[in-house]
Amino acid sequence: MADTAKQLEKLIETLDEYIAQAKAGMNKNHQQIEGMRAELTERGFGEALDEVEGVVEITGHHGQALGRLTMAGMVRGELLKILEQTK
């Protein structure tokens, strides 16, 4: 049982690291996007920017879903390993 607890703790630590990395990346990306948006609006591309942002938003949602699916698959695989060891 102690081995199972250690495995679960390790899995949680790994997930915490992934979450921290994702948050840091999102913050950096947000800053870059805001800078680009301001520059393009200043140059007179505001209307076109609105249309492009719609496409980017849809693409972003697709990427988020793919990321969640990948993470869920990884966690499921690790949980199956732990379950198998307890049998």
PDB file of N, CA and C in Angstrom:
ATOM      1  N   MET A   1       0.820  -1.193   0.000  1.00  0.00           N
ATOM      2  CA  MET A   1       0.000   0.000   0.000  1.00  0.00           C
ATOM      3  C   MET A   1       0.866   1.260   0.000  1.00  0.00           C
ATOM      4  N   ALA A   2       2.011   1.204   0.686  1.00  0.00           N
ATOM      5  CA  ALA A   2       2.906   2.362   0.730  1.00  0.00           C
ATOM      6  C   ALA A   2       3.451   2.679  -0.660  1.00  0.00           C
ATOM      7  N   ASP A   3       3.739   1.624  -1.441  1.00  0.00           N
ATOM      8  CA  ASP A   3       4.218   1.839  -2.808  1.00  0.00           C
ATOM      9  C   ASP A   3       3.171   2.562  -3.644  1.00  0.00           C
ATOM     10  N   THR A   4       1.919   2.186  -3.453  1.00  0.00           N
ATOM     11  CA  THR A   4       0.834   2.822  -4.195  1.00  0.00           C
ATOM     12  C   THR A   4       0.744   4.298  -3.831  1.00  0.00           C
ATOM     13  N   ALA A   5       0.853   4.605  -2.556  1.00  0.00           N
ATOM     14  CA  ALA A   5       0.800   6.001  -2.112  1.00  0.00           C
ATOM     15  C   ALA A   5       1.952   6.800  -2.717  1.00  0.00           C
ATOM     16  N   LYS A   6       3.142   6.209  -2.746  1.00  0.00           N
ATOM     17  CA  LYS A   6       4.300   6.894  -3.331  1.00  0.00           C
ATOM     18  C   LYS A   6       4.091   7.140  -4.822  1.00  0.00           C
ATOM     19  N   GLN A   7       3.532   6.160  -5.506  1.00  0.00           N
ATOM     20  CA  GLN A   7       3.276   6.318  -6.943  1.00  0.00           C
ATOM     21  C   GLN A   7       2.262   7.431  -7.195  1.00  0.00           C
ATOM     22  N   LEU A   8       1.221   7.466  -6.376  1.00  0.00           N
ATOM     23  CA  LEU A   8       0.213   8.513  -6.534  1.00  0.00           C
ATOM     24  C   LEU A   8       0.801   9.891  -6.232  1.00  0.00           C
ATOM     25  N   GLU A   9       1.636   9.976  -5.201  1.00  0.00           N
ATOM     26  CA  GLU A   9       2.294  11.248  -4.882  1.00  0.00           C
ATOM     27  C   GLU A   9       3.172  11.705  -6.043  1.00  0.00           C
ATOM     28  N   LYS A  10       3.906  10.783  -6.634  1.00  0.00           N
ATOM     29  CA  LYS A  10       4.767  11.112  -7.772  1.00  0.00           C
ATOM     30  C   LYS A  10       3.931  11.591  -8.957  1.00  0.00           C
ATOM     31  N   LEU A  11       2.817  10.925  -9.211  1.00  0.00           N
ATOM     32  CA  LEU A  11       1.929  11.322 -10.300  1.00  0.00           C
ATOM     33  C   LEU A  11       1.376  12.725 -10.053  1.00  0.00           C
ATOM     34  N   ILE A  12       0.987  13.008  -8.829  1.00  0.00           N
ATOM     35  CA  ILE A  12       0.476  14.337  -8.484  1.00  0.00           C
ATOM     36  C   ILE A  12       1.562  15.391  -8.655  1.00  0.00           C
ATOM     37  N   GLU A  13       2.781  15.096  -8.221  1.00  0.00           N
ATOM     38  CA  GLU A  13       3.895  16.033  -8.395  1.00  0.00           C
ATOM     39  C   GLU A  13       4.145  16.318  -9.873  1.00  0.00           C
ATOM     40  N   THR A  14       4.106  15.280 -10.684  1.00  0.00           N
ATOM     41  CA  THR A  14       4.304  15.449 -12.123  1.00  0.00           C
ATOM     42  C   THR A  14       3.214  16.328 -12.716  1.00  0.00           C
ATOM     43  N   LEU A  15       1.972  16.088 -12.326  1.00  0.00           N
ATOM     44  CA  LEU A  15       0.866  16.913 -12.815  1.00  0.00           C
ATOM     45  C   LEU A  15       1.021  18.360 -12.360  1.00  0.00           C
ATOM     46  N   ASP A  16       1.464  18.570 -11.119  1.00  0.00           N
ATOM     47  CA  ASP A  16       1.689  19.930 -10.627  1.00  0.00           C
ATOM     48  C   ASP A  16       2.750  20.651 -11.461  1.00  0.00           C
ATOM     49  N   GLU A  17       3.803  19.925 -11.844  1.00  0.00           N
ATOM     50  CA  GLU A  17       4.846  20.512 -12.692  1.00  0.00           C
ATOM     51  C   GLU A  17       4.282  20.887 -14.061  1.00  0.00           C
ATOM     52  N   TYR A  18       3.502  19.999 -14.659  1.00  0.00           N
ATOM     53  CA  TYR A  18       2.887  20.286 -15.961  1.00  0.00           C
ATOM     54  C   TYR A  18       1.967  21.499 -15.879  1.00  0.00           C
ATOM     55  N   ILE A  19       1.197  21.578 -14.803  1.00  0.00           N
ATOM     56  CA  ILE A  19       0.279  22.705 -14.625  1.00  0.00           C
ATOM     57  C   ILE A  19       1.059  24.013 -14.506  1.00  0.00           C
ATOM     58  N   ALA A  20       2.122  24.009 -13.716  1.00  0.00           N
ATOM     59  CA  ALA A  20       2.938  25.216 -13.548  1.00  0.00           C
ATOM     60  C   ALA A  20       3.570  25.642 -14.874  1.00  0.00           C
ATOM     61  N   GLN A  21       4.076  24.690 -15.636  1.00  0.00           N
ATOM     62  CA  GLN A  21       4.673  25.002 -16.934  1.00  0.00           C
ATOM     63  C   GLN A  21       3.631  25.566 -17.892  1.00  0.00           C
ATOM     64  N   ALA A  22       2.450  24.980 -17.886  1.00  0.00           N
ATOM     65  CA  ALA A  22       1.383  25.457 -18.773  1.00  0.00           C
ATOM     66  C   ALA A  22       0.961  26.875 -18.409  1.00  0.00           C
ATOM     67  N   LYS A  23       0.835  27.152 -17.120  1.00  0.00           N
ATOM     68  CA  LYS A  23       0.449  28.496 -16.678  1.00  0.00           C
ATOM     69  C   LYS A  23       1.502  29.522 -17.081  1.00  0.00           C
ATOM     70  N   ALA A  24       2.763  29.190 -16.898  1.00  0.00           N
ATOM     71  CA  ALA A  24       3.837  30.111 -17.272  1.00  0.00           C
ATOM     72  C   ALA A  24       3.820  30.371 -18.775  1.00  0.00           C
ATOM     73  N   GLY A  25       3.621  29.327 -19.552  1.00  0.00           N
ATOM     74  CA  GLY A  25       3.555  29.480 -21.004  1.00  0.00           C
ATOM     75  C   GLY A  25       2.370  30.320 -21.435  1.00  0.00           C
ATOM     76  N   MET A  26       1.234  30.113 -20.787  1.00  0.00           N
ATOM     77  CA  MET A  26       0.043  30.888 -21.130  1.00  0.00           C
ATOM     78  C   MET A  26       0.238  32.369 -20.815  1.00  0.00           C
ATOM     79  N   ASN A  27       0.863  32.665 -19.679  1.00  0.00           N
ATOM     80  CA  ASN A  27       1.114  34.063 -19.324  1.00  0.00           C
ATOM     81  C   ASN A  27       2.029  34.737 -20.341  1.00  0.00           C
ATOM     82  N   LYS A  28       3.074  34.038 -20.746  1.00  0.00           N
ATOM     83  CA  LYS A  28       4.000  34.578 -21.745  1.00  0.00           C
ATOM     84  C   LYS A  28       3.275  34.810 -23.070  1.00  0.00           C
ATOM     85  N   ASN A  29       2.487  33.831 -23.496  1.00  0.00           N
ATOM     86  CA  ASN A  29       1.746  33.959 -24.751  1.00  0.00           C
ATOM     87  C   ASN A  29       0.762  35.121 -24.694  1.00  0.00           C
ATOM     88  N   HIS A  30       0.098  35.281 -23.563  1.00  0.00           N
ATOM     89  CA  HIS A  30      -0.879  36.364 -23.421  1.00  0.00           C
ATOM     90  C   HIS A  30      -0.203  37.726 -23.592  1.00  0.00           C
ATOM     91  N   GLN A  31       0.953  37.891 -22.990  1.00  0.00           N
ATOM     92  CA  GLN A  31       1.692  39.152 -23.115  1.00  0.00           C
ATOM     93  C   GLN A  31       2.077  39.408 -24.571  1.00  0.00           C
ATOM     94  N   GLN A  32       2.529  38.384 -25.260  1.00  0.00           N
ATOM     95  CA  GLN A  32       2.906  38.534 -26.663  1.00  0.00           C
ATOM     96  C   GLN A  32       1.692  38.889 -27.519  1.00  0.00           C
ATOM     97  N   ILE A  33       0.575  38.237 -27.268  1.00  0.00           N
ATOM     98  CA  ILE A  33      -0.645  38.496 -28.039  1.00  0.00           C
ATOM     99  C   ILE A  33      -1.108  39.929 -27.837  1.00  0.00           C
ATOM    100  N   GLU A  34      -1.093  40.399 -26.597  1.00  0.00           N
ATOM    101  CA  GLU A  34      -1.531  41.772 -26.322  1.00  0.00           C
ATOM    102  C   GLU A  34      -0.635  42.780 -27.037  1.00  0.00           C
ATOM    103  N   GLY A  35       0.657  42.526 -27.062  1.00  0.00           N
ATOM    104  CA  GLY A  35       1.583  43.409 -27.768  1.00  0.00           C
ATOM    105  C   GLY A  35       1.314  43.436 -29.263  1.00  0.00           C
ATOM    106  N   MET A  36       1.089  42.270 -29.843  1.00  0.00           N
ATOM    107  CA  MET A  36       0.790  42.188 -31.278  1.00  0.00           C
ATOM    108  C   MET A  36      -0.532  42.877 -31.598  1.00  0.00           C
ATOM    109  N   ARG A  37      -1.531  42.663 -30.752  1.00  0.00           N
ATOM    110  CA  ARG A  37      -2.847  43.265 -30.971  1.00  0.00           C
ATOM    111  C   ARG A  37      -2.737  44.796 -30.972  1.00  0.00           C
ATOM    112  N   ALA A  38      -2.017  45.334 -30.006  1.00  0.00           N
ATOM    113  CA  ALA A  38      -1.853  46.787 -29.917  1.00  0.00           C
ATOM    114  C   ALA A  38      -1.142  47.331 -31.154  1.00  0.00           C
ATOM    115  N   GLU A  39      -0.103  46.645 -31.585  1.00  0.00           N
ATOM    116  CA  GLU A  39       0.657  47.093 -32.759  1.00  0.00           C
ATOM    117  C   GLU A  39      -0.201  47.053 -34.026  1.00  0.00           C
ATOM    118  N   LEU A  40      -0.927  45.973 -34.227  1.00  0.00           N
ATOM    119  CA  LEU A  40      -1.759  45.851 -35.429  1.00  0.00           C
ATOM    120  C   LEU A  40      -2.904  46.863 -35.436  1.00  0.00           C
ATOM    121  N   THR A  41      -3.491  47.106 -34.286  1.00  0.00           N
ATOM    122  CA  THR A  41      -4.562  48.103 -34.199  1.00  0.00           C
ATOM    123  C   THR A  41      -4.009  49.486 -34.520  1.00  0.00           C
ATOM    124  N   GLU A  42      -2.842  49.777 -33.992  1.00  0.00           N
ATOM    125  CA  GLU A  42      -2.187  51.068 -34.245  1.00  0.00           C
ATOM    126  C   GLU A  42      -1.888  51.254 -35.731  1.00  0.00           C
ATOM    127  N   ARG A  43      -1.582  50.175 -36.411  1.00  0.00           N
ATOM    128  CA  ARG A  43      -1.253  50.245 -37.842  1.00  0.00           C
ATOM    129  C   ARG A  43      -2.499  50.226 -38.728  1.00  0.00           C
ATOM    130  N   GLY A  44      -3.696  50.141 -38.124  1.00  0.00           N
ATOM    131  CA  GLY A  44      -4.925  50.216 -38.895  1.00  0.00           C
ATOM    132  C   GLY A  44      -5.510  48.881 -39.317  1.00  0.00           C
ATOM    133  N   PHE A  45      -5.080  47.816 -38.694  1.00  0.00           N
ATOM    134  CA  PHE A  45      -5.579  46.489 -39.056  1.00  0.00           C
ATOM    135  C   PHE A  45      -6.598  45.955 -38.047  1.00  0.00           C
ATOM    136  N   GLY A  46      -7.263  46.839 -37.322  1.00  0.00           N
ATOM    137  CA  GLY A  46      -8.186  46.429 -36.263  1.00  0.00           C
ATOM    138  C   GLY A  46      -9.307  45.535 -36.739  1.00  0.00           C
ATOM    139  N   GLU A  47      -9.946  45.890 -37.867  1.00  0.00           N
ATOM    140  CA  GLU A  47     -11.083  45.108 -38.369  1.00  0.00           C
ATOM    141  C   GLU A  47     -10.647  43.710 -38.813  1.00  0.00           C
ATOM    142  N   ALA A  48      -9.564  43.657 -39.561  1.00  0.00           N
ATOM    143  CA  ALA A  48      -9.048  42.353 -40.003  1.00  0.00           C
ATOM    144  C   ALA A  48      -8.599  41.528 -38.800  1.00  0.00           C
ATOM    145  N   LEU A  49      -8.062  42.219 -37.812  1.00  0.00           N
ATOM    146  CA  LEU A  49      -7.599  41.536 -36.606  1.00  0.00           C
ATOM    147  C   LEU A  49      -8.753  40.822 -35.906  1.00  0.00           C
ATOM    148  N   ASP A  50      -9.926  41.459 -35.859  1.00  0.00           N
ATOM    149  CA  ASP A  50     -11.094  40.833 -35.235  1.00  0.00           C
ATOM    150  C   ASP A  50     -11.443  39.515 -35.919  1.00  0.00           C
ATOM    151  N   GLU A  51     -11.393  39.487 -37.241  1.00  0.00           N
ATOM    152  CA  GLU A  51     -11.714  38.266 -37.986  1.00  0.00           C
ATOM    153  C   GLU A  51     -10.676  37.174 -37.730  1.00  0.00           C
ATOM    154  N   VAL A  52      -9.428  37.571 -37.758  1.00  0.00           N
ATOM    155  CA  VAL A  52      -8.352  36.604 -37.534  1.00  0.00           C
ATOM    156  C   VAL A  52      -8.432  36.044 -36.116  1.00  0.00           C
ATOM    157  N   GLU A  53      -8.757  36.910 -35.152  1.00  0.00           N
ATOM    158  CA  GLU A  53      -8.854  36.441 -33.772  1.00  0.00           C
ATOM    159  C   GLU A  53      -9.932  35.369 -33.619  1.00  0.00           C
ATOM    160  N   GLY A  54     -11.012  35.468 -34.385  1.00  0.00           N
ATOM    161  CA  GLY A  54     -12.054  34.444 -34.340  1.00  0.00           C
ATOM    162  C   GLY A  54     -11.523  33.090 -34.763  1.00  0.00           C
ATOM    163  N   VAL A  55     -10.748  33.079 -35.821  1.00  0.00           N
ATOM    164  CA  VAL A  55     -10.153  31.825 -36.301  1.00  0.00           C
ATOM    165  C   VAL A  55      -9.152  31.292 -35.280  1.00  0.00           C
ATOM    166  N   VAL A  56      -8.357  32.187 -34.742  1.00  0.00           N
ATOM    167  CA  VAL A  56      -7.349  31.781 -33.764  1.00  0.00           C
ATOM    168  C   VAL A  56      -8.015  31.221 -32.506  1.00  0.00           C
ATOM    169  N   GLU A  57      -9.123  31.825 -32.107  1.00  0.00           N
ATOM    170  CA  GLU A  57      -9.826  31.350 -30.915  1.00  0.00           C
ATOM    171  C   GLU A  57     -10.321  29.916 -31.106  1.00  0.00           C
ATOM    172  N   ILE A  58     -10.891  29.642 -32.259  1.00  0.00           N
ATOM    173  CA  ILE A  58     -11.368  28.284 -32.547  1.00  0.00           C
ATOM    174  C   ILE A  58     -10.190  27.307 -32.556  1.00  0.00           C
ATOM    175  N   THR A  59      -9.104  27.709 -33.183  1.00  0.00           N
ATOM    176  CA  THR A  59      -7.908  26.867 -33.226  1.00  0.00           C
ATOM    177  C   THR A  59      -7.378  26.630 -31.816  1.00  0.00           C
ATOM    178  N   GLY A  60      -7.412  27.682 -30.998  1.00  0.00           N
ATOM    179  CA  GLY A  60      -6.956  27.556 -29.616  1.00  0.00           C
ATOM    180  C   GLY A  60      -7.790  26.565 -28.822  1.00  0.00           C
ATOM    181  N   HIS A  61      -9.103  26.623 -29.009  1.00  0.00           N
ATOM    182  CA  HIS A  61      -9.983  25.683 -28.311  1.00  0.00           C
ATOM    183  C   HIS A  61      -9.671  24.248 -28.731  1.00  0.00           C
ATOM    184  N   HIS A  62      -9.384  24.062 -30.000  1.00  0.00           N
ATOM    185  CA  HIS A  62      -9.026  22.728 -30.489  1.00  0.00           C
ATOM    186  C   HIS A  62      -7.728  22.266 -29.817  1.00  0.00           C
ATOM    187  N   GLY A  63      -6.757  23.153 -29.740  1.00  0.00           N
ATOM    188  CA  GLY A  63      -5.488  22.817 -29.095  1.00  0.00           C
ATOM    189  C   GLY A  63      -5.660  22.489 -27.622  1.00  0.00           C
ATOM    190  N   GLN A  64      -6.519  23.242 -26.950  1.00  0.00           N
ATOM    191  CA  GLN A  64      -6.779  22.975 -25.535  1.00  0.00           C
ATOM    192  C   GLN A  64      -7.406  21.600 -25.351  1.00  0.00           C
ATOM    193  N   ALA A  65      -8.353  21.281 -26.205  1.00  0.00           N
ATOM    194  CA  ALA A  65      -9.007  19.973 -26.119  1.00  0.00           C
ATOM    195  C   ALA A  65      -7.999  18.855 -26.360  1.00  0.00           C
ATOM    196  N   LEU A  66      -7.122  19.053 -27.319  1.00  0.00           N
ATOM    197  CA  LEU A  66      -6.099  18.055 -27.602  1.00  0.00           C
ATOM    198  C   LEU A  66      -5.164  17.890 -26.409  1.00  0.00           C
ATOM    199  N   GLY A  67      -4.794  19.000 -25.791  1.00  0.00           N
ATOM    200  CA  GLY A  67      -3.939  18.941 -24.610  1.00  0.00           C
ATOM    201  C   GLY A  67      -4.598  18.205 -23.457  1.00  0.00           C
ATOM    202  N   ARG A  68      -5.879  18.483 -23.239  1.00  0.00           N
ATOM    203  CA  ARG A  68      -6.612  17.789 -22.174  1.00  0.00           C
ATOM    204  C   ARG A  68      -6.697  16.286 -22.454  1.00  0.00           C
ATOM    205  N   LEU A  69      -6.954  15.954 -23.701  1.00  0.00           N
ATOM    206  CA  LEU A  69      -7.043  14.550 -24.085  1.00  0.00           C
ATOM    207  C   LEU A  69      -5.714  13.839 -23.849  1.00  0.00           C
ATOM    208  N   THR A  70      -4.633  14.479 -24.212  1.00  0.00           N
ATOM    209  CA  THR A  70      -3.302  13.904 -24.009  1.00  0.00           C
ATOM    210  C   THR A  70      -3.025  13.691 -22.529  1.00  0.00           C
ATOM    211  N   MET A  71      -3.318  14.718 -21.725  1.00  0.00           N
ATOM    212  CA  MET A  71      -3.072  14.617 -20.286  1.00  0.00           C
ATOM    213  C   MET A  71      -3.950  13.538 -19.661  1.00  0.00           C
ATOM    214  N   ALA A  72      -5.210  13.478 -20.050  1.00  0.00           N
ATOM    215  CA  ALA A  72      -6.115  12.465 -19.504  1.00  0.00           C
ATOM    216  C   ALA A  72      -5.625  11.062 -19.857  1.00  0.00           C
ATOM    217  N   GLY A  73      -5.143  10.884 -21.067  1.00  0.00           N
ATOM    218  CA  GLY A  73      -4.613   9.585 -21.476  1.00  0.00           C
ATOM    219  C   GLY A  73      -3.398   9.187 -20.667  1.00  0.00           C
ATOM    220  N   MET A  74      -2.517  10.159 -20.402  1.00  0.00           N
ATOM    221  CA  MET A  74      -1.325   9.881 -19.613  1.00  0.00           C
ATOM    222  C   MET A  74      -1.708   9.491 -18.183  1.00  0.00           C
ATOM    223  N   VAL A  75      -2.604  10.264 -17.579  1.00  0.00           N
ATOM    224  CA  VAL A  75      -3.029   9.977 -16.207  1.00  0.00           C
ATOM    225  C   VAL A  75      -3.728   8.622 -16.142  1.00  0.00           C
ATOM    226  N   ARG A  76      -4.581   8.337 -17.112  1.00  0.00           N
ATOM    227  CA  ARG A  76      -5.285   7.049 -17.144  1.00  0.00           C
ATOM    228  C   ARG A  76      -4.289   5.894 -17.207  1.00  0.00           C
ATOM    229  N   GLY A  77      -3.278   6.036 -18.051  1.00  0.00           N
ATOM    230  CA  GLY A  77      -2.261   4.994 -18.166  1.00  0.00           C
ATOM    231  C   GLY A  77      -1.526   4.761 -16.858  1.00  0.00           C
ATOM    232  N   GLU A  78      -1.168   5.845 -16.176  1.00  0.00           N
ATOM    233  CA  GLU A  78      -0.473   5.710 -14.896  1.00  0.00           C
ATOM    234  C   GLU A  78      -1.379   5.082 -13.841  1.00  0.00           C
ATOM    235  N   LEU A  79      -2.644   5.474 -13.825  1.00  0.00           N
ATOM    236  CA  LEU A  79      -3.580   4.891 -12.860  1.00  0.00           C
ATOM    237  C   LEU A  79      -3.802   3.406 -13.128  1.00  0.00           C
ATOM    238  N   LEU A  80      -3.844   3.017 -14.397  1.00  0.00           N
ATOM    239  CA  LEU A  80      -3.977   1.594 -14.726  1.00  0.00           C
ATOM    240  C   LEU A  80      -2.771   0.798 -14.229  1.00  0.00           C
ATOM    241  N   LYS A  81      -1.575   1.374 -14.340  1.00  0.00           N
ATOM    242  CA  LYS A  81      -0.377   0.699 -13.830  1.00  0.00           C
ATOM    243  C   LYS A  81      -0.482   0.488 -12.324  1.00  0.00           C
ATOM    244  N   ILE A  82      -0.912   1.537 -11.625  1.00  0.00           N
ATOM    245  CA  ILE A  82      -1.044   1.440 -10.168  1.00  0.00           C
ATOM    246  C   ILE A  82      -2.107   0.412  -9.803  1.00  0.00           C
ATOM    247  N   LEU A  83      -3.222   0.429 -10.503  1.00  0.00           N
ATOM    248  CA  LEU A  83      -4.298  -0.535 -10.245  1.00  0.00           C
ATOM    249  C   LEU A  83      -3.804  -1.960 -10.449  1.00  0.00           C
ATOM    250  N   GLU A  84      -3.063  -2.185 -11.507  1.00  0.00           N
ATOM    251  CA  GLU A  84      -2.551  -3.527 -11.809  1.00  0.00           C
ATOM    252  C   GLU A  84      -1.627  -4.016 -10.691  1.00  0.00           C
ATOM    253  N   GLN A  85      -0.845  -3.115 -10.123  1.00  0.00           N
ATOM    254  CA  GLN A  85       0.075  -3.495  -9.048  1.00  0.00           C
ATOM    255  C   GLN A  85      -0.655  -3.846  -7.757  1.00  0.00           C
ATOM    256  N   THR A  86      -1.856  -3.328  -7.577  1.00  0.00           N
ATOM    257  CA  THR A  86      -2.598  -3.611  -6.343  1.00  0.00           C
ATOM    258  C   THR A  86      -3.347  -4.932  -6.409  1.00  0.00           C
ATOM    259  N   LYS A  87      -3.400  -5.548  -7.582  1.00  0.00           N
ATOM    260  CA  LYS A  87      -4.133  -6.822  -7.732  1.00  0.00           C
ATOM    261  C   LYS A  87      -3.283  -7.984  -7.293  1.00  0.00           C
TER     262      LYS A  87
END
